[in-house]
C-alpha atoms as a PDB file:
ATOM      1  CA  UNK A   1     -38.217 138.026 118.751  1.00  0.00           C
ATOM      2  CA  UNK A   2     -39.107 141.083 116.892  1.00  0.00           C
ATOM      3  CA  UNK A   3     -41.704 143.610 118.259  1.00  0.00           C
ATOM      4  CA  UNK A   4     -42.476 147.087 116.806  1.00  0.00           C
ATOM      5  CA  UNK A   5     -44.859 149.457 119.375  1.00  0.00           C
ATOM      6  CA  UNK A   6     -46.421 152.618 118.216  1.00  0.00           C
ATOM      7  CA  UNK A   7     -43.868 153.153 115.543  1.00  0.00           C
ATOM      8  CA  UNK A   8     -43.653 156.609 114.095  1.00  0.00           C
ATOM      9  CA  UNK A   9     -41.046 157.439 110.872  1.00  0.00           C
ATOM     10  CA  UNK A  10     -40.649 160.169 108.849  1.00  0.00           C
ATOM     11  CA  UNK A  11     -38.835 160.872 105.761  1.00  0.00           C
ATOM     12  CA  UNK A  12     -38.446 165.048 106.104  1.00  0.00           C
ATOM     13  CA  UNK A  13     -42.281 166.018 106.185  1.00  0.00           C
ATOM     14  CA  UNK A  14     -43.427 162.935 105.104  1.00  0.00           C
ATOM     15  CA  UNK A  15     -44.836 160.124 107.255  1.00  0.00           C
ATOM     16  CA  UNK A  16     -43.955 156.699 106.345  1.00  0.00           C
ATOM     17  CA  UNK A  17     -45.421 155.095 109.730  1.00  0.00           C
ATOM     18  CA  UNK A  18     -48.082 156.198 112.421  1.00  0.00           C
ATOM     19  CA  UNK A  19     -48.122 153.929 115.404  1.00  0.00           C
ATOM     20  CA  UNK A  20     -47.087 151.244 113.844  1.00  0.00           C
ATOM     21  CA  UNK A  21     -47.262 147.839 115.886  1.00  0.00           C
ATOM     22  CA  UNK A  22     -45.898 144.586 114.739  1.00  0.00           C
ATOM     23  CA  UNK A  23     -44.842 141.331 116.427  1.00  0.00           C
ATOM     24  CA  UNK A  24     -42.801 138.780 114.617  1.00  0.00           C
ATOM     25  CA  UNK A  25     -42.586 135.102 116.768  1.00  0.00           C
ATOM     26  CA  UNK A  26     -38.994 133.499 117.433  1.00  0.00           C
ATOM     27  CA  UNK A  27     -38.484 130.749 114.601  1.00  0.00           C
ATOM     28  CA  UNK A  28     -40.242 131.910 111.583  1.00  0.00           C
ATOM     29  CA  UNK A  29     -39.729 132.070 108.071  1.00  0.00           C
ATOM     30  CA  UNK A  30     -41.545 135.403 107.310  1.00  0.00           C
ATOM     31  CA  UNK A  31     -42.402 136.860 103.602  1.00  0.00           C
ATOM     32  CA  UNK A  32     -43.229 140.554 103.654  1.00  0.00           C
ATOM     33  CA  UNK A  33     -44.963 141.784 100.338  1.00  0.00           C
ATOM     34  CA  UNK A  34     -46.398 144.778  99.041  1.00  0.00           C
ATOM     35  CA  UNK A  35     -46.316 147.404  96.119  1.00  0.00           C
ATOM     36  CA  UNK A  36     -43.543 149.632  95.549  1.00  0.00           C
ATOM     37  CA  UNK A  37     -43.904 152.356  98.130  1.00  0.00           C
ATOM     38  CA  UNK A  38     -45.786 150.695 100.752  1.00  0.00           C
ATOM     39  CA  UNK A  39     -42.985 150.817 103.412  1.00  0.00           C
ATOM     40  CA  UNK A  40     -41.221 147.725 102.784  1.00  0.00           C
ATOM     41  CA  UNK A  41     -37.548 148.624 102.747  1.00  0.00           C
ATOM     42  CA  UNK A  42     -38.278 151.445 105.715  1.00  0.00           C
ATOM     43  CA  UNK A  43     -39.706 148.858 107.798  1.00  0.00           C
ATOM     44  CA  UNK A  44     -36.463 146.484 107.056  1.00  0.00           C
ATOM     45  CA  UNK A  45     -33.913 149.245 107.622  1.00  0.00           C
ATOM     46  CA  UNK A  46     -35.837 150.276 111.316  1.00  0.00           C
ATOM     47  CA  UNK A  47     -35.486 146.292 112.156  1.00  0.00           C
ATOM     48  CA  UNK A  48     -32.006 145.869 110.886  1.00  0.00           C
ATOM     49  CA  UNK A  49     -31.052 149.219 112.918  1.00  0.00           C
ATOM     50  CA  UNK A  50     -29.479 151.080 109.422  1.00  0.00           C
ATOM     51  CA  UNK A  51     -33.012 153.742 110.706  1.00  0.00           C
ATOM     52  CA  UNK A  52     -34.424 154.969 113.914  1.00  0.00           C
ATOM     53  CA  UNK A  53     -37.785 155.557 114.435  1.00  0.00           C
ATOM     54  CA  UNK A  54     -39.035 159.236 115.816  1.00  0.00           C
ATOM     55  CA  UNK A  55     -40.842 157.651 118.345  1.00  0.00           C
ATOM     56  CA  UNK A  56     -42.092 154.379 120.046  1.00  0.00           C
ATOM     57  CA  UNK A  57     -40.509 150.676 120.972  1.00  0.00           C
ATOM     58  CA  UNK A  58     -38.670 148.271 118.862  1.00  0.00           C
ATOM     59  CA  UNK A  59     -37.540 144.969 120.499  1.00  0.00           C
ATOM     60  CA  UNK A  60     -35.443 142.192 118.938  1.00  0.00           C
ATOM     61  CA  UNK A  61     -34.802 139.222 121.350  1.00  0.00           C
ATOM     62  CA  UNK A  62     -35.652 140.890 124.508  1.00  0.00           C
ATOM     63  CA  UNK A  63     -33.545 143.750 123.548  1.00  0.00           C
ATOM     64  CA  UNK A  64     -34.498 147.432 122.940  1.00  0.00           C
ATOM     65  CA  UNK A  65     -32.423 149.607 120.443  1.00  0.00           C
ATOM     66  CA  UNK A  66     -32.041 152.219 122.388  1.00  0.00           C
ATOM     67  CA  UNK A  67     -29.900 150.470 124.609  1.00  0.00           C
ATOM     68  CA  UNK A  68     -28.476 147.665 123.404  1.00  0.00           C
ATOM     69  CA  UNK A  69     -27.546 148.362 119.677  1.00  0.00           C
ATOM     70  CA  UNK A  70     -24.200 146.683 119.541  1.00  0.00           C
ATOM     71  CA  UNK A  71     -25.508 143.362 120.499  1.00  0.00           C
ATOM     72  CA  UNK A  72     -28.463 143.244 118.707  1.00  0.00           C
ATOM     73  CA  UNK A  73     -26.271 143.907 115.708  1.00  0.00           C
ATOM     74  CA  UNK A  74     -24.086 141.183 117.014  1.00  0.00           C
ATOM     75  CA  UNK A  75     -27.591 138.864 116.473  1.00  0.00           C
ATOM     76  CA  UNK A  76     -28.996 139.890 113.484  1.00  0.00           C
ATOM     77  CA  UNK A  77     -27.692 139.657 109.602  1.00  0.00           C
ATOM     78  CA  UNK A  78     -29.781 142.132 107.518  1.00  0.00           C
ATOM     79  CA  UNK A  79     -28.826 142.726 103.125  1.00  0.00           C
ATOM     80  CA  UNK A  80     -30.526 146.006 101.939  1.00  0.00           C
ATOM     81  CA  UNK A  81     -30.806 146.484  98.531  1.00  0.00           C
ATOM     82  CA  UNK A  82     -27.320 145.037  96.934  1.00  0.00           C
ATOM     83  CA  UNK A  83     -25.061 143.089  99.310  1.00  0.00           C
ATOM     84  CA  UNK A  84     -21.785 145.144 100.190  1.00  0.00           C
ATOM     85  CA  UNK A  85     -18.245 143.299  99.687  1.00  0.00           C
ATOM     86  CA  UNK A  86     -14.788 144.652  99.002  1.00  0.00           C
ATOM     87  CA  UNK A  87     -15.306 144.617  94.844  1.00  0.00           C
ATOM     88  CA  UNK A  88     -11.227 144.439  94.262  1.00  0.00           C
ATOM     89  CA  UNK A  89     -10.834 141.317  96.542  1.00  0.00           C
ATOM     90  CA  UNK A  90     -11.204 137.731  95.713  1.00  0.00           C
ATOM     91  CA  UNK A  91     -15.253 135.909  97.168  1.00  0.00           C
ATOM     92  CA  UNK A  92     -12.562 133.747  99.544  1.00  0.00           C
ATOM     93  CA  UNK A  93     -10.925 136.793 100.820  1.00  0.00           C
ATOM     94  CA  UNK A  94     -13.815 138.990 101.568  1.00  0.00           C
ATOM     95  CA  UNK A  95     -15.336 136.020 103.615  1.00  0.00           C
ATOM     96  CA  UNK A  96     -11.487 135.442 105.754  1.00  0.00           C
ATOM     97  CA  UNK A  97     -12.287 138.863 106.729  1.00  0.00           C
ATOM     98  CA  UNK A  98     -15.393 138.106 107.872  1.00  0.00           C
ATOM     99  CA  UNK A  99     -14.195 135.489 109.681  1.00  0.00           C
ATOM    100  CA  UNK A 100     -11.383 137.428 111.168  1.00  0.00           C
ATOM    101  CA  UNK A 101     -13.757 140.425 112.033  1.00  0.00           C
ATOM    102  CA  UNK A 102     -16.264 137.738 113.980  1.00  0.00           C
ATOM    103  CA  UNK A 103     -13.386 135.967 115.501  1.00  0.00           C
ATOM    104  CA  UNK A 104     -14.418 132.630 114.031  1.00  0.00           C
ATOM    105  CA  UNK A 105     -12.220 129.935 112.154  1.00  0.00           C
ATOM    106  CA  UNK A 106     -11.934 130.204 108.141  1.00  0.00           C
ATOM    107  CA  UNK A 107     -12.111 126.531 107.811  1.00  0.00           C
ATOM    108  CA  UNK A 108     -15.645 126.122 106.675  1.00  0.00           C
ATOM    109  CA  UNK A 109     -15.135 128.296 103.909  1.00  0.00           C
ATOM    110  CA  UNK A 110     -14.491 126.263 101.339  1.00  0.00           C
ATOM    111  CA  UNK A 111     -17.494 124.149 101.818  1.00  0.00           C
ATOM    112  CA  UNK A 112     -20.064 126.855 101.922  1.00  0.00           C
ATOM    113  CA  UNK A 113     -18.379 127.797  98.684  1.00  0.00           C
ATOM    114  CA  UNK A 114     -19.066 124.484  97.411  1.00  0.00           C
ATOM    115  CA  UNK A 115     -22.555 124.477  98.502  1.00  0.00           C
ATOM    116  CA  UNK A 116     -23.156 127.535  97.144  1.00  0.00           C
ATOM    117  CA  UNK A 117     -21.242 126.754  93.829  1.00  0.00           C
ATOM    118  CA  UNK A 118     -19.165 130.091  93.608  1.00  0.00           C
ATOM    119  CA  UNK A 119     -15.804 130.070  92.582  1.00  0.00           C
ATOM    120  CA  UNK A 120     -13.819 131.600  95.810  1.00  0.00           C
ATOM    121  CA  UNK A 121     -10.576 132.513  93.471  1.00  0.00           C
ATOM    122  CA  UNK A 122     -12.922 134.851  91.309  1.00  0.00           C
ATOM    123  CA  UNK A 123     -12.656 138.796  92.363  1.00  0.00           C
ATOM    124  CA  UNK A 124     -16.173 139.900  93.755  1.00  0.00           C
ATOM    125  CA  UNK A 125     -16.633 142.816  91.098  1.00  0.00           C
ATOM    126  CA  UNK A 126     -16.396 139.797  88.397  1.00  0.00           C
ATOM    127  CA  UNK A 127     -19.792 138.639  89.942  1.00  0.00           C
ATOM    128  CA  UNK A 128     -23.276 139.181  88.504  1.00  0.00           C
ATOM    129  CA  UNK A 129     -26.064 140.768  91.169  1.00  0.00           C
ATOM    130  CA  UNK A 130     -27.958 137.117  91.272  1.00  0.00           C
ATOM    131  CA  UNK A 131     -24.148 135.767  92.344  1.00  0.00           C
ATOM    132  CA  UNK A 132     -23.689 138.493  94.967  1.00  0.00           C
ATOM    133  CA  UNK A 133     -27.174 137.491  96.343  1.00  0.00           C
ATOM    134  CA  UNK A 134     -26.201 134.062  96.547  1.00  0.00           C
ATOM    135  CA  UNK A 135     -22.410 134.873  97.736  1.00  0.00           C
ATOM    136  CA  UNK A 136     -24.571 137.230 101.322  1.00  0.00           C
ATOM    137  CA  UNK A 137     -25.548 133.494 102.355  1.00  0.00           C
ATOM    138  CA  UNK A 138     -22.117 132.638 103.293  1.00  0.00           C
ATOM    139  CA  UNK A 139     -22.358 134.762 106.164  1.00  0.00           C
ATOM    140  CA  UNK A 140     -24.804 133.403 108.059  1.00  0.00           C
ATOM    141  CA  UNK A 141     -23.688 129.957 107.081  1.00  0.00           C
ATOM    142  CA  UNK A 142     -20.627 130.886 108.677  1.00  0.00           C
ATOM    143  CA  UNK A 143     -21.451 132.445 111.480  1.00  0.00           C
ATOM    144  CA  UNK A 144     -24.357 131.596 114.043  1.00  0.00           C
ATOM    145  CA  UNK A 145     -26.939 134.781 113.768  1.00  0.00           C
ATOM    146  CA  UNK A 146     -30.395 134.668 115.358  1.00  0.00           C
ATOM    147  CA  UNK A 147     -32.100 137.135 112.718  1.00  0.00           C
ATOM    148  CA  UNK A 148     -31.562 137.193 108.966  1.00  0.00           C
ATOM    149  CA  UNK A 149     -33.488 139.902 106.822  1.00  0.00           C
ATOM    150  CA  UNK A 150     -33.206 139.959 103.122  1.00  0.00           C
ATOM    151  CA  UNK A 151     -34.603 142.923 101.480  1.00  0.00           C
ATOM    152  CA  UNK A 152     -35.400 141.594  97.750  1.00  0.00           C
ATOM    153  CA  UNK A 153     -32.963 138.524  97.815  1.00  0.00           C
ATOM    154  CA  UNK A 154     -34.643 136.520  95.097  1.00  0.00           C
ATOM    155  CA  UNK A 155     -34.205 139.245  92.535  1.00  0.00           C
ATOM    156  CA  UNK A 156     -32.300 138.469  89.638  1.00  0.00           C
ATOM    157  CA  UNK A 157     -31.735 135.115  90.357  1.00  0.00           C
ATOM    158  CA  UNK A 158     -32.432 131.987  87.830  1.00  0.00           C
ATOM    159  CA  UNK A 159     -35.044 129.652  89.495  1.00  0.00           C
ATOM    160  CA  UNK A 160     -32.638 127.309  90.409  1.00  0.00           C
ATOM    161  CA  UNK A 161     -30.622 129.674  92.321  1.00  0.00           C
ATOM    162  CA  UNK A 162     -34.084 130.792  93.858  1.00  0.00           C
ATOM    163  CA  UNK A 163     -34.315 127.084  94.754  1.00  0.00           C
ATOM    164  CA  UNK A 164     -31.164 126.973  96.510  1.00  0.00           C
ATOM    165  CA  UNK A 165     -31.784 130.219  98.345  1.00  0.00           C
ATOM    166  CA  UNK A 166     -34.736 128.710 100.086  1.00  0.00           C
ATOM    167  CA  UNK A 167     -33.905 125.648 100.675  1.00  0.00           C
ATOM    168  CA  UNK A 168     -30.427 126.940 102.442  1.00  0.00           C
ATOM    169  CA  UNK A 169     -32.554 129.334 104.488  1.00  0.00           C
ATOM    170  CA  UNK A 170     -35.093 126.580 105.489  1.00  0.00           C
ATOM    171  CA  UNK A 171     -32.083 124.826 106.803  1.00  0.00           C
ATOM    172  CA  UNK A 172     -30.810 127.711 108.581  1.00  0.00           C
ATOM    173  CA  UNK A 173     -34.068 128.189 110.282  1.00  0.00           C
ATOM    174  CA  UNK A 174     -34.643 124.351 110.861  1.00  0.00           C
ATOM    175  CA  UNK A 175     -30.946 123.452 112.249  1.00  0.00           C
ATOM    176  CA  UNK A 176     -29.983 127.509 114.108  1.00  0.00           C
ATOM    177  CA  UNK A 177     -33.438 128.562 114.773  1.00  0.00           C
ATOM    178  CA  UNK A 178     -33.164 131.640 113.366  1.00  0.00           C
ATOM    179  CA  UNK A 179     -35.760 134.149 112.655  1.00  0.00           C
ATOM    180  CA  UNK A 180     -36.148 134.498 109.255  1.00  0.00           C
ATOM    181  CA  UNK A 181     -37.722 137.753 107.672  1.00  0.00           C
ATOM    182  CA  UNK A 182     -38.055 138.389 103.316  1.00  0.00           C
ATOM    183  CA  UNK A 183     -39.104 141.139 101.491  1.00  0.00           C
ATOM    184  CA  UNK A 184     -40.117 139.942  97.935  1.00  0.00           C
ATOM    185  CA  UNK A 185     -42.617 140.319  95.093  1.00  0.00           C
ATOM    186  CA  UNK A 186     -41.940 136.731  93.815  1.00  0.00           C
ATOM    187  CA  UNK A 187     -44.920 134.593  95.568  1.00  0.00           C
ATOM    188  CA  UNK A 188     -45.675 132.197  92.931  1.00  0.00           C
ATOM    189  CA  UNK A 189     -44.470 129.151  93.328  1.00  0.00           C
ATOM    190  CA  UNK A 190     -41.965 129.588  96.362  1.00  0.00           C
ATOM    191  CA  UNK A 191     -44.735 131.043  98.446  1.00  0.00           C
ATOM    192  CA  UNK A 192     -45.032 127.960 100.174  1.00  0.00           C
ATOM    193  CA  UNK A 193     -41.876 127.783 101.545  1.00  0.00           C
ATOM    194  CA  UNK A 194     -42.932 130.759 104.021  1.00  0.00           C
ATOM    195  CA  UNK A 195     -44.596 130.123 107.344  1.00  0.00           C
ATOM    196  CA  UNK A 196     -46.414 133.007 107.633  1.00  0.00           C
ATOM    197  CA  UNK A 197     -47.157 136.438 105.821  1.00  0.00           C
ATOM    198  CA  UNK A 198     -47.217 140.172 105.799  1.00  0.00           C
ATOM    199  CA  UNK A 199     -48.957 142.676 103.780  1.00  0.00           C
ATOM    200  CA  UNK A 200     -48.171 146.090 103.549  1.00  0.00           C
ATOM    201  CA  UNK A 201     -49.627 148.868 101.842  1.00  0.00           C
ATOM    202  CA  UNK A 202     -49.385 152.645 102.559  1.00  0.00           C
ATOM    203  CA  UNK A 203     -47.626 152.224 105.729  1.00  0.00           C
ATOM    204  CA  UNK A 204     -50.251 150.218 107.181  1.00  0.00           C
ATOM    205  CA  UNK A 205     -50.251 146.313 108.403  1.00  0.00           C
ATOM    206  CA  UNK A 206     -53.323 145.213 106.275  1.00  0.00           C
ATOM    207  CA  UNK A 207     -52.614 141.238 107.351  1.00  0.00           C
ATOM    208  CA  UNK A 208     -50.546 138.761 109.159  1.00  0.00           C
ATOM    209  CA  UNK A 209     -50.898 135.336 108.998  1.00  0.00           C
ATOM    210  CA  UNK A 210     -50.109 131.928 109.057  1.00  0.00           C
ATOM    211  CA  UNK A 211     -50.134 129.954 105.933  1.00  0.00           C
ATOM    212  CA  UNK A 212     -52.794 127.309 105.633  1.00  0.00           C
ATOM    213  CA  UNK A 213     -52.434 123.905 103.607  1.00  0.00           C
ATOM    214  CA  UNK A 214     -54.142 125.342 100.873  1.00  0.00           C
ATOM    215  CA  UNK A 215     -51.448 127.690  99.107  1.00  0.00           C
ATOM    216  CA  UNK A 216     -53.132 128.429  96.078  1.00  0.00           C
ATOM    217  CA  UNK A 217     -56.367 129.427  98.356  1.00  0.00           C
ATOM    218  CA  UNK A 218     -54.124 131.531 100.806  1.00  0.00           C
ATOM    219  CA  UNK A 219     -52.250 133.132  97.645  1.00  0.00           C
ATOM    220  CA  UNK A 220     -55.592 134.625  96.851  1.00  0.00           C
ATOM    221  CA  UNK A 221     -56.857 135.646  99.700  1.00  0.00           C
ATOM    222  CA  UNK A 222     -53.720 137.887 100.235  1.00  0.00           C
ATOM    223  CA  UNK A 223     -54.021 139.303  96.842  1.00  0.00           C
ATOM    224  CA  UNK A 224     -57.524 140.227  97.838  1.00  0.00           C
ATOM    225  CA  UNK A 225     -56.715 141.631 101.568  1.00  0.00           C
ATOM    226  CA  UNK A 226     -53.967 143.898  99.035  1.00  0.00           C
ATOM    227  CA  UNK A 227     -56.499 145.093  96.624  1.00  0.00           C
ATOM    228  CA  UNK A 228     -59.014 145.785  99.430  1.00  0.00           C
ATOM    229  CA  UNK A 229     -61.648 143.332  98.617  1.00  0.00           C
ATOM    230  CA  UNK A 230     -61.574 141.796 102.174  1.00  0.00           C
END
């Protein structure tokens, strides 16, 4: 579903990825972890089509960005940093604009807002950062995306909000079969939610693997890999 082959990427003269390879299977919920500066946000921006590699091949759902940019964008939903909305408009008006842009009915907006527990009459600029993170999930709930990519979606959200977001993402994954890639620093009790993990450090993929049945032991293994013990 997501495949990067021999990807090179630079910021000015600083090389972030050198012949980087990664393949994520269809239908997985994948957790991307790594310290600040590991390359997580850059990787997400490359997969999302916000940045383009200097060389190498990037394929999404058997489509290559170089030839099928618009087709890929229609399949993929991504939030990088804070989600973008029209702050002066209400929550409902933002979602209504999205529905019109995508050519879909707005009949589900009210039920989606009820699920998210967000007041549709509020202006987006009145929402907290955490509430905006929750609101961003309205888009994949309304539209049938094949790939959902979220950069730190659990930041600034209380534990109940995190649990709600993870349950909704699991629902999207099970019902629509979409790939979900999440970058986060928060493993803790929520780590069991993910199917597989990627450990990134200094632009290198140190580890990629499926979670096993003993999560506490698996988490220790991930930390050891990141610290260079394994």
